[in-house]
C-alpha atoms as a PDB file:
ATOM      1  CA  MET A   1     -47.519  75.150 170.976  1.00  0.00           C
ATOM      2  CA  SER A   2     -47.252  71.567 172.067  1.00  0.00           C
ATOM      3  CA  ILE A   3     -43.481  71.715 171.023  1.00  0.00           C
ATOM      4  CA  ILE A   4     -42.546  74.065 174.137  1.00  0.00           C
ATOM      5  CA  TYR A   5     -43.076  70.817 176.282  1.00  0.00           C
ATOM      6  CA  VAL A   6     -40.883  69.017 174.599  1.00  0.00           C
ATOM      7  CA  LEU A   7     -38.211  71.997 174.413  1.00  0.00           C
ATOM      8  CA  ILE A   8     -38.119  73.037 178.044  1.00  0.00           C
ATOM      9  CA  PRO A   9     -37.858  69.493 179.412  1.00  0.00           C
ATOM     10  CA  ILE A  10     -34.765  69.459 176.979  1.00  0.00           C
ATOM     11  CA  ALA A  11     -33.517  73.122 177.800  1.00  0.00           C
ATOM     12  CA  MET A  12     -33.517  72.004 181.443  1.00  0.00           C
ATOM     13  CA  LEU A  13     -31.462  69.416 180.751  1.00  0.00           C
ATOM     14  CA  PHE A  14     -29.085  70.960 179.336  1.00  0.00           C
ATOM     15  CA  VAL A  15     -28.641  73.542 182.277  1.00  0.00           C
ATOM     16  CA  LEU A  16     -28.134  70.575 184.241  1.00  0.00           C
ATOM     17  CA  ILE A  17     -25.888  68.971 182.707  1.00  0.00           C
ATOM     18  CA  ALA A  18     -23.820  72.407 182.079  1.00  0.00           C
ATOM     19  CA  VAL A  19     -23.845  73.246 185.859  1.00  0.00           C
ATOM     20  CA  GLY A  20     -22.613  69.344 186.339  1.00  0.00           C
ATOM     21  CA  ILE A  21     -19.819  70.003 184.507  1.00  0.00           C
ATOM     22  CA  PHE A  22     -18.861  72.953 186.376  1.00  0.00           C
ATOM     23  CA  PHE A  23     -18.998  71.902 189.488  1.00  0.00           C
ATOM     24  CA  TRP A  24     -17.000  68.642 188.240  1.00  0.00           C
ATOM     25  CA  ALA A  25     -14.310  70.924 187.247  1.00  0.00           C
ATOM     26  CA  VAL A  26     -14.239  73.233 190.091  1.00  0.00           C
ATOM     27  CA  LYS A  27     -14.162  69.546 192.259  1.00  0.00           C
ATOM     28  CA  SER A  28     -11.321  68.591 190.273  1.00  0.00           C
ATOM     29  CA  GLU A  29      -9.262  72.059 190.586  1.00  0.00           C
ATOM     30  CA  GLN A  30      -9.260  72.772 186.713  1.00  0.00           C
ATOM     31  CA  PHE A  31      -9.499  76.311 188.079  1.00  0.00           C
ATOM     32  CA  ASP A  32      -6.578  76.697 190.643  1.00  0.00           C
ATOM     33  CA  ASP A  33      -4.085  77.890 188.256  1.00  0.00           C
ATOM     34  CA  LEU A  34      -4.898  80.344 185.446  1.00  0.00           C
ATOM     35  CA  ASP A  35      -1.779  81.996 184.686  1.00  0.00           C
ATOM     36  CA  ARG A  36       0.359  78.895 184.125  1.00  0.00           C
ATOM     37  CA  GLN A  37      -1.077  78.199 180.941  1.00  0.00           C
ATOM     38  CA  SER A  38      -0.857  81.765 179.823  1.00  0.00           C
ATOM     39  CA  VAL A  39       2.637  82.466 180.404  1.00  0.00           C
ATOM     40  CA  SER A  40       4.237  78.774 179.237  1.00  0.00           C
ATOM     41  CA  ILE A  41       3.419  80.661 175.578  1.00  0.00           C
ATOM     42  CA  LEU A  42       6.189  82.986 176.260  1.00  0.00           C
ATOM     43  CA  PHE A  43       8.826  80.582 176.966  1.00  0.00           C
ATOM     44  CA  ASP A  44      10.549  77.941 174.444  1.00  0.00           C
ATOM     45  CA  ASP A  45      10.582  74.555 175.398  1.00  0.00           C
ATOM     46  CA  ASP A  46      14.195  72.786 176.054  1.00  0.00           C
ATOM     47  CA  VAL A  47      13.913  70.661 172.510  1.00  0.00           C
ATOM     48  CA  LYS A  48      17.011  69.414 170.847  1.00  0.00           C
ATOM     49  CA  PRO A  49      17.897  70.338 167.270  1.00  0.00           C
ATOM     50  CA  ASN A  50      17.424  68.143 164.439  1.00  0.00           C
ATOM     51  CA  ALA A  51      20.112  67.113 162.559  1.00  0.00           C
ATOM     52  CA  ASP A  52      19.170  68.890 159.441  1.00  0.00           C
ATOM     53  CA  ASP A  53      18.837  72.458 161.284  1.00  0.00           C
ATOM     54  CA  SER A  54      22.518  72.353 162.685  1.00  0.00           C
ATOM     55  CA  GLN A  55      23.959  71.537 159.025  1.00  0.00           C
ATOM     56  CA  THR A  56      21.616  74.428 157.812  1.00  0.00           C
ATOM     57  CA  GLU A  57      22.567  76.545 160.357  1.00  0.00           C
ATOM     58  CA  ARG A  58      26.519  75.503 159.563  1.00  0.00           C
ATOM     59  CA  LYS A  59      26.399  76.110 155.748  1.00  0.00           C
ATOM     60  CA  GLN A  60      24.994  79.933 156.094  1.00  0.00           C
ATOM     61  CA  ASP A  61      27.809  80.355 159.028  1.00  0.00           C
END
């Protein structure tokens, strides 16, 4: 039964830390643009092909 006197303050500390991190994230505008990252996986990046890739494509043509 005495362990409850240790676990409750630890749980309250975890909750306070989580709430603090949440408010920090909101204050630093982490939740402003939620759609950009979900759509960014649909588009290819402008990456130059490697020399090995271009030679492989030529051999296949």
